[in-house]
Each structure stands twice: as structure tokens, then as C-alpha cells.
Amino acid sequence: MASTPPKVRCPQCGAESVWNPENKWRPFCSERCKLIDLGCWADESYRVPAQEAGLPADAPPHDD
């Protein structure tokens, strides 16, 4: 009994993509989508939110 590989949504375009070793672009559906995503990281379109070191997120601002 052969199991069918799972399908996932491409993070770039939303198309269905098969998740198996034959899909060398996984989780993307194509090289194009992978390169678009890489370009977004390279030009800093994607950013990870950061908190200023040493200050709790809910701390009120203070004057020095």
C-alpha cells in the first residue's frame, strides 16, 4: 500500500505543492516562487519584530 505524499500551499503564491523529495523547490511550487521569496529576504521586505534589549514590552517610556 503506497501512501500519497501530502500537499502543502506554496508560501509565495498559494498553489498546491507536493511535499516529497522529487519536488526540489519544496515548500515552494517552483524555482520562481523560491527566488521571489529569497529576493524579499534580500531586500529586507521581511522583518522579524524585535524588542529593544533590557526593556519589557509593557514598560512606560521614561525621561533621562
PDB file of N, CA and C in Angstrom:
ATOM      1  N   MET A   1       0.836  -1.180   0.000  1.00  0.00           N
ATOM      2  CA  MET A   1       0.000   0.000   0.000  1.00  0.00           C
ATOM      3  C   MET A   1       0.884   1.248   0.000  1.00  0.00           C
ATOM      4  N   ALA A   2       0.866   1.983  -1.079  1.00  0.00           N
ATOM      5  CA  ALA A   2       1.669   3.195  -1.204  1.00  0.00           C
ATOM      6  C   ALA A   2       0.866   4.388  -0.709  1.00  0.00           C
ATOM      7  N   SER A   3       1.501   5.200   0.095  1.00  0.00           N
ATOM      8  CA  SER A   3       0.806   6.399   0.581  1.00  0.00           C
ATOM      9  C   SER A   3       1.096   7.558  -0.363  1.00  0.00           C
ATOM     10  N   THR A   4       0.132   8.422  -0.500  1.00  0.00           N
ATOM     11  CA  THR A   4       0.322   9.588  -1.360  1.00  0.00           C
ATOM     12  C   THR A   4       0.997  10.686  -0.548  1.00  0.00           C
ATOM     13  N   PRO A   5       1.952  11.383  -1.143  1.00  0.00           N
ATOM     14  CA  PRO A   5       2.640  12.444  -0.405  1.00  0.00           C
ATOM     15  C   PRO A   5       1.673  13.590  -0.098  1.00  0.00           C
ATOM     16  N   PRO A   6       1.884  14.253   1.021  1.00  0.00           N
ATOM     17  CA  PRO A   6       1.000  15.364   1.376  1.00  0.00           C
ATOM     18  C   PRO A   6       1.178  16.545   0.430  1.00  0.00           C
ATOM     19  N   LYS A   7       0.124  17.338   0.320  1.00  0.00           N
ATOM     20  CA  LYS A   7       0.181  18.566  -0.467  1.00  0.00           C
ATOM     21  C   LYS A   7       0.129  19.743   0.496  1.00  0.00           C
ATOM     22  N   VAL A   8       0.946  20.740   0.210  1.00  0.00           N
ATOM     23  CA  VAL A   8       1.002  21.951   1.027  1.00  0.00           C
ATOM     24  C   VAL A   8       0.778  23.155   0.125  1.00  0.00           C
ATOM     25  N   ARG A   9       0.444  24.262   0.702  1.00  0.00           N
ATOM     26  CA  ARG A   9       0.283  25.506  -0.060  1.00  0.00           C
ATOM     27  C   ARG A   9       1.640  26.181  -0.189  1.00  0.00           C
ATOM     28  N   CYS A  10       1.961  26.631  -1.394  1.00  0.00           N
ATOM     29  CA  CYS A  10       3.198  27.372  -1.636  1.00  0.00           C
ATOM     30  C   CYS A  10       3.129  28.661  -0.819  1.00  0.00           C
ATOM     31  N   PRO A  11       4.154  28.956  -0.008  1.00  0.00           N
ATOM     32  CA  PRO A  11       4.121  30.165   0.806  1.00  0.00           C
ATOM     33  C   PRO A  11       4.119  31.461  -0.013  1.00  0.00           C
ATOM     34  N   GLN A  12       4.521  31.382  -1.258  1.00  0.00           N
ATOM     35  CA  GLN A  12       4.592  32.586  -2.087  1.00  0.00           C
ATOM     36  C   GLN A  12       3.312  32.841  -2.860  1.00  0.00           C
ATOM     37  N   CYS A  13       2.824  31.843  -3.597  1.00  0.00           N
ATOM     38  CA  CYS A  13       1.673  32.069  -4.480  1.00  0.00           C
ATOM     39  C   CYS A  13       0.397  31.372  -4.022  1.00  0.00           C
ATOM     40  N   GLY A  14       0.514  30.418  -3.088  1.00  0.00           N
ATOM     41  CA  GLY A  14      -0.655  29.727  -2.578  1.00  0.00           C
ATOM     42  C   GLY A  14      -1.079  28.505  -3.375  1.00  0.00           C
ATOM     43  N   ALA A  15      -0.381  28.179  -4.459  1.00  0.00           N
ATOM     44  CA  ALA A  15      -0.712  26.988  -5.248  1.00  0.00           C
ATOM     45  C   ALA A  15      -0.371  25.735  -4.455  1.00  0.00           C
ATOM     46  N   GLU A  16      -1.051  24.640  -4.760  1.00  0.00           N
ATOM     47  CA  GLU A  16      -0.734  23.382  -4.102  1.00  0.00           C
ATOM     48  C   GLU A  16       0.597  22.848  -4.596  1.00  0.00           C
ATOM     49  N   SER A  17       1.365  22.312  -3.665  1.00  0.00           N
ATOM     50  CA  SER A  17       2.679  21.784  -3.979  1.00  0.00           C
ATOM     51  C   SER A  17       2.829  20.447  -3.272  1.00  0.00           C
ATOM     52  N   VAL A  18       3.352  19.446  -3.964  1.00  0.00           N
ATOM     53  CA  VAL A  18       3.547  18.125  -3.371  1.00  0.00           C
ATOM     54  C   VAL A  18       4.796  18.153  -2.497  1.00  0.00           C
ATOM     55  N   TRP A  19       4.659  17.630  -1.275  1.00  0.00           N
ATOM     56  CA  TRP A  19       5.780  17.604  -0.332  1.00  0.00           C
ATOM     57  C   TRP A  19       6.444  16.230  -0.420  1.00  0.00           C
ATOM     58  N   ASN A  20       7.426  16.114  -1.304  1.00  0.00           N
ATOM     59  CA  ASN A  20       8.207  14.881  -1.411  1.00  0.00           C
ATOM     60  C   ASN A  20       9.579  15.217  -1.994  1.00  0.00           C
ATOM     61  N   PRO A  21      10.530  14.290  -1.923  1.00  0.00           N
ATOM     62  CA  PRO A  21      11.892  14.565  -2.390  1.00  0.00           C
ATOM     63  C   PRO A  21      11.987  14.925  -3.871  1.00  0.00           C
ATOM     64  N   GLU A  22      11.028  14.519  -4.689  1.00  0.00           N
ATOM     65  CA  GLU A  22      11.067  14.856  -6.110  1.00  0.00           C
ATOM     66  C   GLU A  22      10.811  16.343  -6.358  1.00  0.00           C
ATOM     67  N   ASN A  23      10.154  17.011  -5.421  1.00  0.00           N
ATOM     68  CA  ASN A  23       9.912  18.453  -5.543  1.00  0.00           C
ATOM     69  C   ASN A  23      11.090  19.176  -4.903  1.00  0.00           C
ATOM     70  N   LYS A  24      12.077  19.505  -5.718  1.00  0.00           N
ATOM     71  CA  LYS A  24      13.295  20.111  -5.168  1.00  0.00           C
ATOM     72  C   LYS A  24      13.088  21.551  -4.691  1.00  0.00           C
ATOM     73  N   TRP A  25      11.932  22.140  -4.965  1.00  0.00           N
ATOM     74  CA  TRP A  25      11.674  23.519  -4.542  1.00  0.00           C
ATOM     75  C   TRP A  25      10.832  23.587  -3.268  1.00  0.00           C
ATOM     76  N   ARG A  26      10.449  22.441  -2.708  1.00  0.00           N
ATOM     77  CA  ARG A  26       9.547  22.448  -1.556  1.00  0.00           C
ATOM     78  C   ARG A  26      10.048  23.338  -0.443  1.00  0.00           C
ATOM     79  N   PRO A  27       9.256  24.058   0.255  1.00  0.00           N
ATOM     80  CA  PRO A  27       7.800  24.057   0.241  1.00  0.00           C
ATOM     81  C   PRO A  27       7.201  24.890  -0.887  1.00  0.00           C
ATOM     82  N   PHE A  28       8.043  25.451  -1.737  1.00  0.00           N
ATOM     83  CA  PHE A  28       7.549  26.260  -2.860  1.00  0.00           C
ATOM     84  C   PHE A  28       7.123  25.360  -4.012  1.00  0.00           C
ATOM     85  N   CYS A  29       6.299  25.902  -4.906  1.00  0.00           N
ATOM     86  CA  CYS A  29       5.824  25.106  -6.035  1.00  0.00           C
ATOM     87  C   CYS A  29       6.792  25.155  -7.214  1.00  0.00           C
ATOM     88  N   SER A  30       7.676  26.157  -7.242  1.00  0.00           N
ATOM     89  CA  SER A  30       8.577  26.307  -8.381  1.00  0.00           C
ATOM     90  C   SER A  30       9.818  27.103  -7.988  1.00  0.00           C
ATOM     91  N   GLU A  31      10.794  27.082  -8.879  1.00  0.00           N
ATOM     92  CA  GLU A  31      12.003  27.879  -8.666  1.00  0.00           C
ATOM     93  C   GLU A  31      11.649  29.364  -8.617  1.00  0.00           C
ATOM     94  N   ARG A  32      10.714  29.775  -9.451  1.00  0.00           N
ATOM     95  CA  ARG A  32      10.301  31.187  -9.500  1.00  0.00           C
ATOM     96  C   ARG A  32       9.825  31.661  -8.125  1.00  0.00           C
ATOM     97  N   CYS A  33       8.929  30.891  -7.497  1.00  0.00           N
ATOM     98  CA  CYS A  33       8.409  31.282  -6.180  1.00  0.00           C
ATOM     99  C   CYS A  33       9.520  31.296  -5.135  1.00  0.00           C
ATOM    100  N   LYS A  34      10.424  30.342  -5.208  1.00  0.00           N
ATOM    101  CA  LYS A  34      11.540  30.298  -4.265  1.00  0.00           C
ATOM    102  C   LYS A  34      12.423  31.536  -4.414  1.00  0.00           C
ATOM    103  N   LEU A  35      12.700  31.934  -5.657  1.00  0.00           N
ATOM    104  CA  LEU A  35      13.550  33.108  -5.899  1.00  0.00           C
ATOM    105  C   LEU A  35      12.854  34.411  -5.504  1.00  0.00           C
ATOM    106  N   ILE A  36      11.551  34.495  -5.705  1.00  0.00           N
ATOM    107  CA  ILE A  36      10.803  35.683  -5.272  1.00  0.00           C
ATOM    108  C   ILE A  36      10.917  35.822  -3.760  1.00  0.00           C
ATOM    109  N   ASP A  37      10.733  34.715  -3.043  1.00  0.00           N
ATOM    110  CA  ASP A  37      10.834  34.735  -1.583  1.00  0.00           C
ATOM    111  C   ASP A  37      12.241  35.120  -1.136  1.00  0.00           C
ATOM    112  N   LEU A  38      13.252  34.556  -1.776  1.00  0.00           N
ATOM    113  CA  LEU A  38      14.635  34.893  -1.452  1.00  0.00           C
ATOM    114  C   LEU A  38      14.893  36.381  -1.680  1.00  0.00           C
ATOM    115  N   GLY A  39      14.365  36.919  -2.775  1.00  0.00           N
ATOM    116  CA  GLY A  39      14.519  38.344  -3.059  1.00  0.00           C
ATOM    117  C   GLY A  39      13.883  39.221  -1.997  1.00  0.00           C
ATOM    118  N   CYS A  40      12.746  38.791  -1.456  1.00  0.00           N
ATOM    119  CA  CYS A  40      12.089  39.560  -0.392  1.00  0.00           C
ATOM    120  C   CYS A  40      12.955  39.601   0.861  1.00  0.00           C
ATOM    121  N   TRP A  41      13.606  38.490   1.177  1.00  0.00           N
ATOM    122  CA  TRP A  41      14.521  38.486   2.323  1.00  0.00           C
ATOM    123  C   TRP A  41      15.739  39.362   2.030  1.00  0.00           C
ATOM    124  N   ALA A  42      16.267  39.275   0.803  1.00  0.00           N
ATOM    125  CA  ALA A  42      17.477  40.019   0.448  1.00  0.00           C
ATOM    126  C   ALA A  42      17.261  41.527   0.488  1.00  0.00           C
ATOM    127  N   ASP A  43      16.075  41.996   0.061  1.00  0.00           N
ATOM    128  CA  ASP A  43      15.849  43.447   0.089  1.00  0.00           C
ATOM    129  C   ASP A  43      15.166  43.902   1.383  1.00  0.00           C
ATOM    130  N   GLU A  44      15.137  43.006   2.382  1.00  0.00           N
ATOM    131  CA  GLU A  44      14.624  43.283   3.721  1.00  0.00           C
ATOM    132  C   GLU A  44      13.137  43.648   3.740  1.00  0.00           C
ATOM    133  N   SER A  45      12.366  43.090   2.795  1.00  0.00           N
ATOM    134  CA  SER A  45      10.917  43.265   2.835  1.00  0.00           C
ATOM    135  C   SER A  45      10.326  42.498   4.010  1.00  0.00           C
ATOM    136  N   TYR A  46      10.945  41.374   4.347  1.00  0.00           N
ATOM    137  CA  TYR A  46      10.521  40.591   5.507  1.00  0.00           C
ATOM    138  C   TYR A  46      11.369  41.037   6.684  1.00  0.00           C
ATOM    139  N   ARG A  47      10.731  41.246   7.805  1.00  0.00           N
ATOM    140  CA  ARG A  47      11.468  41.623   9.009  1.00  0.00           C
ATOM    141  C   ARG A  47      10.922  40.860  10.196  1.00  0.00           C
ATOM    142  N   VAL A  48      11.812  40.473  11.063  1.00  0.00           N
ATOM    143  CA  VAL A  48      11.419  39.805  12.289  1.00  0.00           C
ATOM    144  C   VAL A  48      11.276  40.899  13.343  1.00  0.00           C
ATOM    145  N   PRO A  49      10.093  40.995  13.996  1.00  0.00           N
ATOM    146  CA  PRO A  49       9.923  42.041  15.003  1.00  0.00           C
ATOM    147  C   PRO A  49      10.900  41.829  16.154  1.00  0.00           C
ATOM    148  N   ALA A  50      11.466  42.900  16.624  1.00  0.00           N
ATOM    149  CA  ALA A  50      12.430  42.833  17.710  1.00  0.00           C
ATOM    150  C   ALA A  50      12.026  43.795  18.811  1.00  0.00           C
ATOM    151  N   GLN A  51      12.445  43.480  19.998  1.00  0.00           N
ATOM    152  CA  GLN A  51      12.185  44.317  21.152  1.00  0.00           C
ATOM    153  C   GLN A  51      13.516  44.891  21.602  1.00  0.00           C
ATOM    154  N   GLU A  52      13.516  46.144  22.007  1.00  0.00           N
ATOM    155  CA  GLU A  52      14.741  46.765  22.474  1.00  0.00           C
ATOM    156  C   GLU A  52      15.248  46.013  23.694  1.00  0.00           C
ATOM    157  N   ALA A  53      16.516  45.712  23.725  1.00  0.00           N
ATOM    158  CA  ALA A  53      17.099  44.928  24.809  1.00  0.00           C
ATOM    159  C   ALA A  53      16.967  45.651  26.147  1.00  0.00           C
ATOM    160  N   GLY A  54      16.614  44.895  27.170  1.00  0.00           N
ATOM    161  CA  GLY A  54      16.569  45.437  28.522  1.00  0.00           C
ATOM    162  C   GLY A  54      15.267  46.091  28.922  1.00  0.00           C
ATOM    163  N   LEU A  55      14.357  46.338  28.009  1.00  0.00           N
ATOM    164  CA  LEU A  55      13.091  46.975  28.354  1.00  0.00           C
ATOM    165  C   LEU A  55      11.945  45.988  28.161  1.00  0.00           C
ATOM    166  N   PRO A  56      11.094  45.824  29.181  1.00  0.00           N
ATOM    167  CA  PRO A  56       9.911  44.991  28.978  1.00  0.00           C
ATOM    168  C   PRO A  56       8.980  45.650  27.962  1.00  0.00           C
ATOM    169  N   ALA A  57       8.231  44.835  27.245  1.00  0.00           N
ATOM    170  CA  ALA A  57       7.348  45.347  26.195  1.00  0.00           C
ATOM    171  C   ALA A  57       6.309  46.309  26.725  1.00  0.00           C
ATOM    172  N   ASP A  58       5.862  46.135  27.972  1.00  0.00           N
ATOM    173  CA  ASP A  58       4.807  46.993  28.507  1.00  0.00           C
ATOM    174  C   ASP A  58       5.327  48.094  29.431  1.00  0.00           C
ATOM    175  N   ALA A  59       6.641  48.317  29.455  1.00  0.00           N
ATOM    176  CA  ALA A  59       7.212  49.364  30.306  1.00  0.00           C
ATOM    177  C   ALA A  59       6.925  50.747  29.735  1.00  0.00           C
ATOM    178  N   PRO A  60       6.513  51.695  30.596  1.00  0.00           N
ATOM    179  CA  PRO A  60       6.267  53.054  30.090  1.00  0.00           C
ATOM    180  C   PRO A  60       7.597  53.730  29.763  1.00  0.00           C
ATOM    181  N   PRO A  61       7.605  54.627  28.794  1.00  0.00           N
ATOM    182  CA  PRO A  61       8.853  55.350  28.484  1.00  0.00           C
ATOM    183  C   PRO A  61       9.256  56.233  29.656  1.00  0.00           C
ATOM    184  N   HIS A  62      10.535  56.459  29.802  1.00  0.00           N
ATOM    185  CA  HIS A  62      10.997  57.312  30.897  1.00  0.00           C
ATOM    186  C   HIS A  62      11.965  58.354  30.339  1.00  0.00           C
ATOM    187  N   ASP A  63      12.041  59.485  31.027  1.00  0.00           N
ATOM    188  CA  ASP A  63      12.945  60.567  30.627  1.00  0.00           C
ATOM    189  C   ASP A  63      14.231  60.464  31.409  1.00  0.00           C
ATOM    190  N   ASP A  64      15.352  60.564  30.708  1.00  0.00           N
ATOM    191  CA  ASP A  64      16.658  60.501  31.368  1.00  0.00           C
ATOM    192  C   ASP A  64      17.272  61.861  31.431  1.00  0.00           C
TER     193      ASP A  64
END
